[in-house]
Protein backbone atom coordinates (compact mmCIF):
# COMPACT_ATOMS: atom_id res chain seq x y z
CA MET A 1 10.86 -21.53 34.24
CA LYS A 2 7.44 -21.42 33.30
CA CYS A 3 5.39 -22.97 30.78
CA LEU A 4 3.53 -22.01 28.25
CA ARG A 5 0.44 -24.48 26.92
CA ILE A 6 -1.14 -24.27 23.54
CA SER A 7 -2.74 -25.97 21.14
CA LEU A 8 -0.67 -27.24 18.03
CA ALA A 9 -3.03 -25.45 15.71
CA ALA A 10 -2.73 -21.91 17.44
CA PRO A 11 0.42 -20.78 16.18
CA VAL A 12 -0.95 -21.35 12.49
CA SER A 13 -3.87 -19.83 12.86
CA SER A 14 -2.30 -17.09 14.17
CA PHE A 15 0.02 -16.50 11.64
CA LEU A 16 -2.60 -16.86 8.87
CA ALA A 17 -4.31 -13.82 10.26
CA THR A 18 -1.30 -11.68 9.20
CA LEU A 19 -3.03 -11.94 6.02
CA SER A 20 -4.81 -8.84 7.51
CA LEU A 21 -1.72 -7.13 6.22
CA LEU A 22 -3.80 -5.96 2.92
CA ALA A 23 -5.93 -3.91 5.78
CA SER A 24 -2.80 -2.79 8.18
CA GLY A 25 -1.14 -0.58 6.68
CA THR A 26 1.59 0.85 4.01
CA ALA A 27 3.96 3.58 3.33
CA LEU A 28 2.18 6.71 0.94
CA ALA A 29 -0.98 7.50 0.81
CA GLY A 30 -2.42 6.37 3.95
CA GLY A 31 -3.20 2.90 4.53
CA PHE A 32 -1.28 1.11 1.37
CA SER A 33 -2.69 2.94 -1.26
CA LEU A 34 -0.41 4.43 -3.73
CA SER A 35 -0.85 7.91 -5.86
CA GLU A 36 2.14 7.32 -7.70
CA MET A 37 0.50 7.69 -11.63
CA SER A 38 1.86 10.57 -12.60
CA ALA A 39 5.88 12.63 -12.31
CA ALA A 40 3.93 15.58 -12.99
CA SER A 41 1.17 15.00 -10.26
CA VAL A 42 4.26 14.03 -7.41
CA GLY A 43 6.03 17.58 -8.19
CA ASN A 44 2.31 19.21 -7.22
CA ALA A 45 2.40 16.73 -4.41
CA HIS A 46 -0.70 15.33 -6.12
CA ALA A 47 -2.91 18.65 -5.99
CA GLY A 48 -5.55 19.02 -8.15
CA GLY A 49 -5.53 15.31 -9.69
CA ALA A 50 -9.10 15.20 -10.66
CA ALA A 51 -8.96 18.75 -12.42
CA ALA A 52 -5.66 19.49 -13.90
CA ALA A 53 -6.24 16.99 -16.95
CA GLU A 54 -2.69 17.84 -17.99
CA ASP A 55 -1.64 14.32 -18.63
CA LEU A 56 -3.14 10.98 -19.41
CA ALA A 57 -2.85 10.18 -15.64
CA THR A 58 -6.48 11.73 -15.69
CA ILE A 59 -7.26 8.45 -16.83
CA TYR A 60 -6.92 7.08 -13.03
CA TYR A 61 -7.51 10.55 -11.25
CA ASN A 62 -10.15 11.83 -13.48
CA PRO A 63 -11.15 9.88 -16.59
CA ALA A 64 -13.48 13.04 -17.40
CA GLY A 65 -10.27 15.43 -17.88
CA LEU A 66 -9.16 13.04 -21.39
CA THR A 67 -11.50 15.44 -23.20
CA ARG A 68 -8.77 18.29 -22.41
CA LEU A 69 -6.20 16.01 -24.48
CA ARG A 70 -7.02 15.45 -28.23
CA GLY A 71 -5.39 13.10 -30.65
CA ARG A 72 -3.23 9.82 -30.46
CA GLN A 73 -1.57 9.95 -27.02
CA PHE A 74 0.99 7.72 -24.84
CA MET A 75 2.11 8.08 -21.96
CA VAL A 76 4.76 6.15 -19.92
CA ALA A 77 6.28 6.92 -15.77
CA GLY A 78 7.49 5.42 -13.42
CA SER A 79 8.56 6.28 -9.17
CA GLY A 80 11.15 4.57 -7.36
CA ILE A 81 9.44 4.99 -3.88
CA ARG A 82 12.45 4.29 -0.66
CA PRO A 83 10.37 4.14 2.68
CA SER A 84 12.64 3.85 5.79
CA ALA A 85 11.23 2.12 9.04
CA GLU A 86 13.75 1.75 11.86
CA PHE A 87 12.40 0.12 15.09
CA GLY A 88 13.57 0.94 18.14
CA ASN A 89 12.79 -1.67 20.92
CA ARG A 90 11.46 -0.51 24.29
CA GLY A 91 10.85 -3.45 26.46
CA SER A 92 9.50 -6.31 24.04
CA VAL A 93 8.70 -9.51 25.67
CA SER A 94 8.07 -13.07 25.10
CA ALA A 95 4.72 -14.99 25.86
CA VAL A 96 6.38 -15.78 29.17
CA GLY A 97 7.37 -12.62 30.08
CA THR A 98 11.23 -13.22 29.34
CA PRO A 99 12.72 -10.66 27.32
CA LEU A 100 12.78 -11.29 23.69
CA ALA A 101 16.11 -11.57 22.07
CA GLY A 102 17.33 -10.00 18.78
CA GLY A 103 18.51 -6.70 16.84
CA ASN A 104 15.85 -3.43 15.86
CA GLY A 105 15.60 -5.44 12.04
CA GLY A 106 17.36 -2.70 10.40
CA ASP A 107 15.91 -0.64 8.01
CA ALA A 108 12.67 -2.69 7.23
CA GLY A 109 12.43 -0.17 4.33
CA ASP A 110 13.26 -1.56 0.40
CA TRP A 111 13.09 0.57 -2.91
CA GLY A 112 9.88 -0.57 -4.84
CA PHE A 113 9.33 0.69 -8.37
CA VAL A 114 5.80 1.47 -8.96
CA PRO A 115 4.80 1.76 -13.16
CA ALA A 116 2.06 3.08 -15.17
CA LEU A 117 1.26 3.26 -18.83
CA TYR A 118 -1.52 4.94 -20.61
CA TYR A 119 -2.76 5.48 -24.42
CA ALA A 120 -5.58 7.53 -25.40
CA MET A 121 -7.35 8.59 -28.82
CA ASP A 122 -10.43 10.04 -30.19
CA ILE A 123 -13.56 8.13 -31.26
CA ASN A 124 -15.57 11.46 -32.23
CA PRO A 125 -15.02 15.63 -31.54
CA ARG A 126 -16.90 14.88 -28.12
CA LEU A 127 -15.92 11.15 -27.28
CA ARG A 128 -12.47 9.43 -26.32
CA PHE A 129 -11.17 6.52 -25.23
CA GLY A 130 -8.09 5.63 -23.38
CA ILE A 131 -6.39 2.91 -21.49
CA GLY A 132 -4.40 3.07 -18.42
CA MET A 133 -1.92 0.59 -16.50
CA GLN A 134 -1.37 1.57 -12.89
CA ALA A 135 -0.06 0.05 -9.55
CA PRO A 136 -2.88 1.64 -6.98
CA PHE A 137 -2.09 -0.42 -3.33
CA GLY A 138 1.23 -1.84 -3.12
CA LEU A 139 4.10 -2.16 0.09
CA LYS A 140 6.95 -4.17 1.13
CA THR A 141 8.53 -4.39 4.70
CA ASP A 142 11.76 -6.40 5.26
CA TYR A 143 13.48 -6.60 8.14
CA GLU A 144 16.42 -8.95 9.53
CA THR A 145 16.21 -12.70 10.34
CA GLY A 146 16.88 -12.36 14.00
CA TRP A 147 15.37 -9.19 14.65
CA VAL A 148 13.66 -8.99 17.89
CA GLY A 149 10.25 -9.35 16.33
CA ARG A 150 11.25 -11.93 14.33
CA TYR A 151 7.40 -13.81 15.61
CA GLN A 152 5.46 -10.71 14.28
CA ALA A 153 7.23 -9.75 10.96
CA LEU A 154 10.17 -10.84 8.80
CA LYS A 155 8.99 -10.06 4.82
CA SER A 156 5.56 -8.53 3.87
CA GLU A 157 5.13 -7.63 0.36
CA LEU A 158 1.68 -6.87 -1.80
CA SER A 159 1.73 -5.74 -5.13
CA THR A 160 -1.27 -4.92 -7.59
CA VAL A 161 -1.95 -4.22 -10.93
CA ASN A 162 -4.74 -2.49 -12.36
CA ILE A 163 -6.22 -2.25 -16.18
CA ASN A 164 -8.36 1.00 -16.90
CA PRO A 165 -10.34 1.02 -20.22
CA VAL A 166 -11.99 4.73 -19.95
CA LEU A 167 -14.32 6.43 -21.66
CA ALA A 168 -14.78 10.48 -21.72
CA TRP A 169 -17.58 12.45 -23.15
CA GLN A 170 -17.83 16.29 -23.67
CA VAL A 171 -21.43 17.33 -22.57
CA SER A 172 -20.48 20.54 -23.36
CA ASP A 173 -18.03 23.22 -23.70
CA SER A 174 -18.54 23.57 -19.76
CA VAL A 175 -19.57 20.09 -18.75
CA SER A 176 -17.46 17.03 -19.52
CA LEU A 177 -18.46 12.93 -17.78
CA GLY A 178 -16.45 10.13 -17.71
CA GLY A 179 -16.32 6.42 -16.59
CA GLY A 180 -14.42 3.08 -16.56
CA VAL A 181 -13.99 -0.15 -15.27
CA SER A 182 -10.86 -1.77 -13.47
CA ALA A 183 -9.85 -5.52 -13.73
CA GLN A 184 -7.23 -5.62 -10.53
CA TYR A 185 -4.54 -8.39 -10.03
CA ILE A 186 -3.30 -8.43 -6.40
CA ASN A 187 -0.62 -10.51 -4.93
CA VAL A 188 0.64 -11.05 -1.48
CA GLU A 189 3.88 -12.37 0.17
CA LEU A 190 4.14 -12.62 3.82
CA SER A 191 6.77 -14.19 6.01
CA ARG A 192 7.89 -14.81 9.78
CA ALA A 193 9.89 -16.92 12.30
CA ILE A 194 7.86 -20.12 14.56
CA ASP A 195 9.22 -20.42 17.68
CA PHE A 196 9.14 -24.20 17.97
CA GLY A 197 11.42 -24.21 21.22
CA SER A 198 8.45 -22.83 22.92
CA ILE A 199 5.63 -24.52 20.94
CA CYS A 200 7.87 -27.52 21.89
CA ALA A 201 7.73 -26.71 25.53
CA GLY A 202 4.28 -25.87 26.11
CA SER A 203 2.69 -28.47 23.89
CA ILE A 204 5.24 -31.68 24.77
CA GLY A 205 6.71 -30.44 27.86
CA LEU A 206 9.88 -28.92 29.26
CA ALA A 207 11.54 -32.08 30.54
CA THR A 208 11.08 -33.80 27.01
CA CYS A 209 12.26 -30.59 24.83
CA ALA A 210 15.26 -29.03 27.33
CA PRO A 211 17.59 -31.60 26.70
CA ILE A 212 17.29 -31.84 23.17
CA GLY A 213 18.23 -27.65 22.88
CA PHE A 214 14.46 -26.98 22.38
CA LEU A 215 13.58 -23.47 24.90
CA PRO A 216 12.03 -20.61 23.74
CA GLN A 217 13.63 -18.06 21.13
CA ALA A 218 16.43 -21.11 20.98
CA LYS A 219 14.73 -23.20 17.72
CA ASP A 220 13.44 -20.92 15.10
CA GLY A 221 11.62 -22.65 11.69
CA ALA A 222 9.40 -19.92 9.63
CA VAL A 223 6.62 -20.02 7.55
CA THR A 224 5.41 -17.68 4.65
CA VAL A 225 2.05 -17.30 3.00
CA LYS A 226 1.38 -16.61 -0.83
CA GLY A 227 -1.93 -15.45 -2.34
CA ASN A 228 -3.05 -13.96 -5.20
CA ASP A 229 -6.71 -13.62 -7.06
CA TRP A 230 -8.29 -10.86 -9.92
CA GLY A 231 -10.93 -8.23 -8.87
CA TYR A 232 -12.82 -5.87 -10.79
CA GLY A 233 -14.80 -2.61 -9.97
CA PHE A 234 -15.33 1.19 -11.74
CA ASN A 235 -14.08 4.92 -11.59
CA LEU A 236 -16.61 7.74 -12.34
CA GLY A 237 -15.68 11.65 -12.90
CA ALA A 238 -16.93 14.65 -13.95
CA LEU A 239 -15.17 17.93 -15.25
CA PHE A 240 -17.02 21.35 -14.58
CA SER A 241 -14.97 24.08 -16.79
CA PRO A 242 -16.76 27.67 -15.86
CA ASN A 243 -14.27 29.07 -17.88
CA GLU A 244 -10.87 28.89 -19.58
CA PHE A 245 -9.01 29.88 -16.75
CA MET A 246 -10.65 27.70 -14.02
CA ARG A 247 -11.93 24.07 -13.76
CA PHE A 248 -13.17 21.60 -10.61
CA GLY A 249 -13.31 18.00 -10.96
CA ALA A 250 -14.76 15.06 -8.82
CA ALA A 251 -13.70 11.71 -9.24
CA TYR A 252 -15.04 8.23 -7.43
CA ARG A 253 -13.16 5.13 -7.55
CA SER A 254 -14.94 2.11 -6.73
CA LYS A 255 -14.10 -0.82 -3.90
CA ILE A 256 -12.89 -3.97 -5.55
CA SER A 257 -13.34 -6.81 -3.72
CA HIS A 258 -10.38 -9.89 -4.14
CA ASN A 259 -11.17 -13.23 -2.76
CA LEU A 260 -7.44 -14.70 -2.69
CA SER A 261 -6.24 -18.15 -2.13
CA GLY A 262 -2.72 -19.36 -2.07
CA ASP A 263 -0.68 -21.38 0.21
CA ALA A 264 1.24 -21.38 3.55
CA ARG A 265 5.09 -23.27 3.56
CA PHE A 266 6.74 -23.94 6.43
CA THR A 267 10.70 -25.03 7.35
CA GLN A 268 11.17 -26.64 10.51
CA PRO A 269 14.30 -26.34 12.77
CA ALA A 270 16.75 -29.78 12.70
CA GLY A 271 15.48 -32.14 15.35
CA LEU A 272 12.13 -31.03 15.61
CA PRO A 273 10.26 -34.16 18.02
CA ALA A 274 8.46 -36.49 16.14
CA PRO A 275 4.74 -35.31 16.85
CA LEU A 276 5.70 -31.90 16.28
CA ALA A 277 7.62 -32.58 13.04
CA ALA A 278 4.85 -34.86 12.06
CA SER A 279 1.57 -32.77 12.97
CA PRO A 280 -0.55 -31.27 10.46
CA THR A 281 -0.25 -27.70 11.55
CA PHE A 282 2.99 -27.39 10.28
CA ALA A 283 2.28 -29.02 7.15
CA ASN A 284 2.03 -26.82 3.94
CA THR A 285 -1.22 -26.40 3.10
CA GLY A 286 -3.98 -23.96 0.93
CA VAL A 287 -5.37 -20.57 2.50
CA ARG A 288 -8.06 -18.76 1.51
CA SER A 289 -9.21 -14.77 2.52
CA ASP A 290 -11.83 -12.23 1.32
CA VAL A 291 -10.24 -8.78 1.18
CA THR A 292 -11.82 -5.49 -0.41
CA LEU A 293 -9.99 -3.22 -0.99
CA PRO A 294 -11.07 0.50 -0.57
CA ASP A 295 -13.36 2.96 -2.37
CA SER A 296 -12.26 6.77 -2.54
CA PHE A 297 -13.82 9.94 -3.48
CA SER A 298 -11.76 13.44 -4.59
CA MET A 299 -12.53 17.04 -4.87
CA SER A 300 -9.87 19.35 -6.89
CA ALA A 301 -9.86 22.32 -8.23
CA TYR A 302 -7.22 24.29 -10.72
CA VAL A 303 -6.93 27.97 -11.41
CA ASP A 304 -4.76 30.04 -13.68
CA LEU A 305 -3.34 33.01 -12.02
CA ASN A 306 -1.86 34.60 -14.99
CA THR A 307 -0.03 33.39 -18.33
CA LYS A 308 2.93 32.46 -15.84
CA TRP A 309 1.05 30.90 -12.24
CA ALA A 310 -1.44 27.94 -11.90
CA ALA A 311 -2.79 26.78 -7.96
CA MET A 312 -4.34 23.60 -7.50
CA ALA A 313 -5.80 22.06 -4.49
CA ASP A 314 -7.01 18.50 -3.66
CA LEU A 315 -9.24 16.78 -0.91
CA THR A 316 -9.46 12.93 -1.01
CA TRP A 317 -11.68 10.38 1.36
CA MET A 318 -10.85 6.98 1.25
CA HIS A 319 -13.12 4.49 2.93
CA TRP A 320 -10.90 2.55 5.11
CA SER A 321 -13.37 2.17 7.91
CA ARG A 322 -14.89 -1.49 5.72
CA PHE A 323 -12.01 -3.18 7.87
CA LYS A 324 -13.43 -4.01 10.75
CA GLU A 325 -12.22 -7.59 11.11
CA LEU A 326 -10.55 -10.31 8.70
CA ARG A 327 -11.27 -13.72 8.83
CA ILE A 328 -8.97 -16.19 7.25
CA ARG A 329 -9.65 -19.51 5.90
CA PHE A 330 -7.06 -22.42 5.45
CA ASP A 331 -7.24 -26.02 4.54
CA ASN A 332 -5.02 -27.65 7.44
CA GLY A 333 -8.31 -28.43 9.65
CA ALA A 334 -7.67 -25.44 12.04
CA PRO A 335 -10.52 -22.88 12.78
CA ASP A 336 -11.32 -19.66 10.96
CA SER A 337 -8.68 -16.84 12.33
CA VAL A 338 -10.76 -13.64 12.97
CA THR A 339 -8.46 -10.55 13.28
CA PRO A 340 -10.07 -6.96 14.61
CA GLU A 341 -8.81 -4.02 12.19
CA GLN A 342 -10.99 -1.39 13.20
CA TRP A 343 -9.73 0.97 10.40
CA ARG A 344 -10.87 4.45 10.48
CA ASN A 345 -11.70 6.70 7.48
CA THR A 346 -9.20 9.31 6.09
CA TRP A 347 -8.66 12.54 4.53
CA ARG A 348 -5.79 13.75 2.27
CA ALA A 349 -5.04 17.40 1.76
CA ALA A 350 -3.27 19.33 -0.86
CA LEU A 351 -2.37 22.27 -2.41
CA GLY A 352 -0.02 22.97 -5.21
CA LEU A 353 1.41 25.74 -7.65
CA SER A 354 3.27 25.38 -10.93
CA TYR A 355 5.44 28.03 -13.16
CA ARG A 356 5.84 28.38 -16.63
CA TYR A 357 9.43 29.89 -17.11
CA ASN A 358 9.16 29.33 -20.61
CA ASP A 359 7.47 27.34 -23.77
CA ALA A 360 10.22 24.71 -22.64
CA TRP A 361 10.22 24.71 -18.85
CA LYS A 362 7.20 24.27 -16.54
CA LEU A 363 8.50 24.18 -12.25
CA ARG A 364 6.00 22.66 -9.74
CA GLY A 365 5.85 22.56 -5.84
CA GLY A 366 3.04 20.99 -3.69
CA LEU A 367 2.17 20.67 -0.04
CA ALA A 368 0.06 17.45 1.60
CA TYR A 369 -1.18 16.17 4.48
CA ASP A 370 -2.13 12.72 4.87
CA GLN A 371 -4.14 10.98 7.57
CA SER A 372 -2.79 6.97 8.57
CA PRO A 373 -6.12 4.92 8.93
CA VAL A 374 -4.84 2.94 11.60
CA PRO A 375 -5.27 3.65 15.36
CA ASN A 376 -2.15 3.49 17.61
CA ALA A 377 -4.01 0.53 19.35
CA PHE A 378 -3.91 -1.36 16.08
CA ARG A 379 -0.28 -0.56 14.85
CA THR A 380 1.28 -3.45 13.36
CA ALA A 381 5.52 -4.18 12.44
CA ARG A 382 4.61 -5.21 9.28
CA ILE A 383 3.21 -1.99 8.34
CA PRO A 384 4.01 0.67 10.95
CA ASP A 385 1.84 3.27 9.60
CA ALA A 386 1.54 7.22 10.72
CA ASN A 387 0.52 10.36 9.36
CA ARG A 388 2.56 11.76 6.93
CA ARG A 389 3.36 15.59 5.86
CA TRP A 390 4.57 15.92 1.68
CA LEU A 391 6.82 18.47 0.61
CA ALA A 392 7.13 17.96 -3.53
CA LEU A 393 9.08 19.43 -6.33
CA GLY A 394 8.95 19.09 -10.09
CA ALA A 395 9.50 19.94 -13.37
CA GLN A 396 8.71 19.52 -17.15
CA PHE A 397 10.73 19.46 -20.18
CA SER A 398 8.77 19.42 -23.51
CA PRO A 399 11.88 19.82 -26.21
CA SER A 400 8.97 20.14 -28.88
CA ARG A 401 4.90 20.23 -28.89
CA PHE A 402 4.89 16.49 -29.73
CA SER A 403 6.49 15.34 -26.74
CA SER A 404 7.26 16.14 -23.35
CA TRP A 405 9.27 14.74 -20.09
CA ASP A 406 8.08 14.80 -16.63
CA PHE A 407 10.08 14.69 -13.20
CA GLY A 408 8.91 14.81 -9.76
CA TYR A 409 10.37 14.20 -6.56
CA ALA A 410 8.58 14.08 -2.87
CA HIS A 411 9.90 13.81 0.78
CA LEU A 412 7.57 12.55 3.23
CA PHE A 413 8.05 13.30 6.82
CA VAL A 414 5.97 10.50 8.71
CA SER A 415 5.15 10.96 12.47
CA GLU A 416 6.97 9.22 15.17
CA SER A 417 4.86 6.33 16.22
CA SER A 418 4.77 3.79 18.93
CA ILE A 419 3.93 0.11 18.64
CA ASN A 420 2.36 -2.35 22.04
CA LYS A 421 1.66 -5.52 19.78
CA ALA A 422 0.84 -9.06 21.34
CA GLU A 423 0.84 -11.74 19.24
CA PRO A 424 -0.90 -14.92 21.21
CA PRO A 425 0.25 -17.37 21.47
CA VAL A 426 4.36 -17.40 21.22
CA GLY A 427 5.04 -14.31 19.33
CA GLY A 428 5.12 -11.92 22.66
CA THR A 429 4.35 -8.73 23.09
CA LEU A 430 6.25 -6.06 20.48
CA THR A 431 7.26 -2.87 22.29
CA GLY A 432 8.71 0.18 20.65
CA ASP A 433 8.99 3.07 18.43
CA TYR A 434 9.14 3.37 14.80
CA ASN A 435 10.96 6.66 13.37
CA ASN A 436 10.21 6.11 9.27
CA ASP A 437 10.23 8.91 6.47
CA VAL A 438 9.73 8.26 2.61
CA ASN A 439 11.67 9.34 -0.63
CA ILE A 440 9.56 8.97 -4.33
CA LEU A 441 11.54 9.86 -7.22
CA SER A 442 9.53 9.96 -10.70
CA VAL A 443 9.89 10.20 -14.11
CA GLN A 444 7.83 9.90 -17.10
CA TYR A 445 7.65 10.78 -21.22
CA ASN A 446 4.50 12.15 -23.04
CA ARG A 447 4.17 11.75 -26.65
CA LYS A 448 1.72 13.39 -28.90
CA PHE A 449 0.94 11.33 -32.65
């Protein structure tokens, strides 16, 4: 059997590089960006986000739109998101060229919940204050323990909470400006299996390891990396209303830089030879990484076609090309791990319609096309990202002029994608195809006081 000679520091260095999860994909809005700040917006596939200004989610989409919503208002929204990610193996091999054992991992997608809260009030007739709490970035994939790609990914989970106070100023009857600051918390958990059989054979020798059962893919351990941080940014917006039937919006959200810190925790298989068991490479250790979440720019339009119908459109750009590499630093003496990312900037285009059936009911629909920032050569098992097309439907029910309920549903048709990802020194090469889709169900309650 061919032996693989490796450094004990290499497996942990390679794994910690998977903190690049923060820059390598998601499920919903290109990369790992989330747009589910409003059920009403989901119903229109987020078309017109920076111009519609129909509810308090404009605090996030375009703070200038807050000037259209007078008095004290409160809104709570929640979205249940169910991505599906099913892998099909197409000849994955270990580092020594033998087939990787294991199944396809089941459905790596899982339900996630994205909440949002908002409050707004008048300061004076032309100045409004609002505050929102959202989750602008997030993802979760979770594979079965013994799947064929276990040495590259098991569980990957990222969540954020963004606290966003804003001010909106009505400059004139046709122009409003807005801006705010963001305090954003990020939390990450990543895990994968470690092939201690290959590590033993490569570092101690097959003659010593084989008699005690430490053969490639026969003795797995695992490592889990966790990290968190607070970061800060801002958002700006402008709303132009040339007449009462038409408005145009432009909005910018800044990048937010995070300096994550946390730890890596290892589990070792029983009977691991003493030189490996005692190695500081596989001892729990601190980890650190600098990650910048991308800035974005949106342009939107909203038009009342008549008393019943309204049309809207949106074009959003995200600055994903900031991710050229991710440098990981850790405290066990291993050298920095540098992971090339080579992401590309993306565009998202959406069109939507609304129909006011009567004073109590409004119906919505929308279509969108959303680019993935991940080139095929850089796709990972943690986030099998690909381009997606949106089909969305929604409705609003207003039992009184003081309250309303909104409902939104979207199905995302995700393009089929392939992966051919090598994970040196002992992770092997994962080769196969992904069949993905996403379902989103959102609900919100709006209250005026």
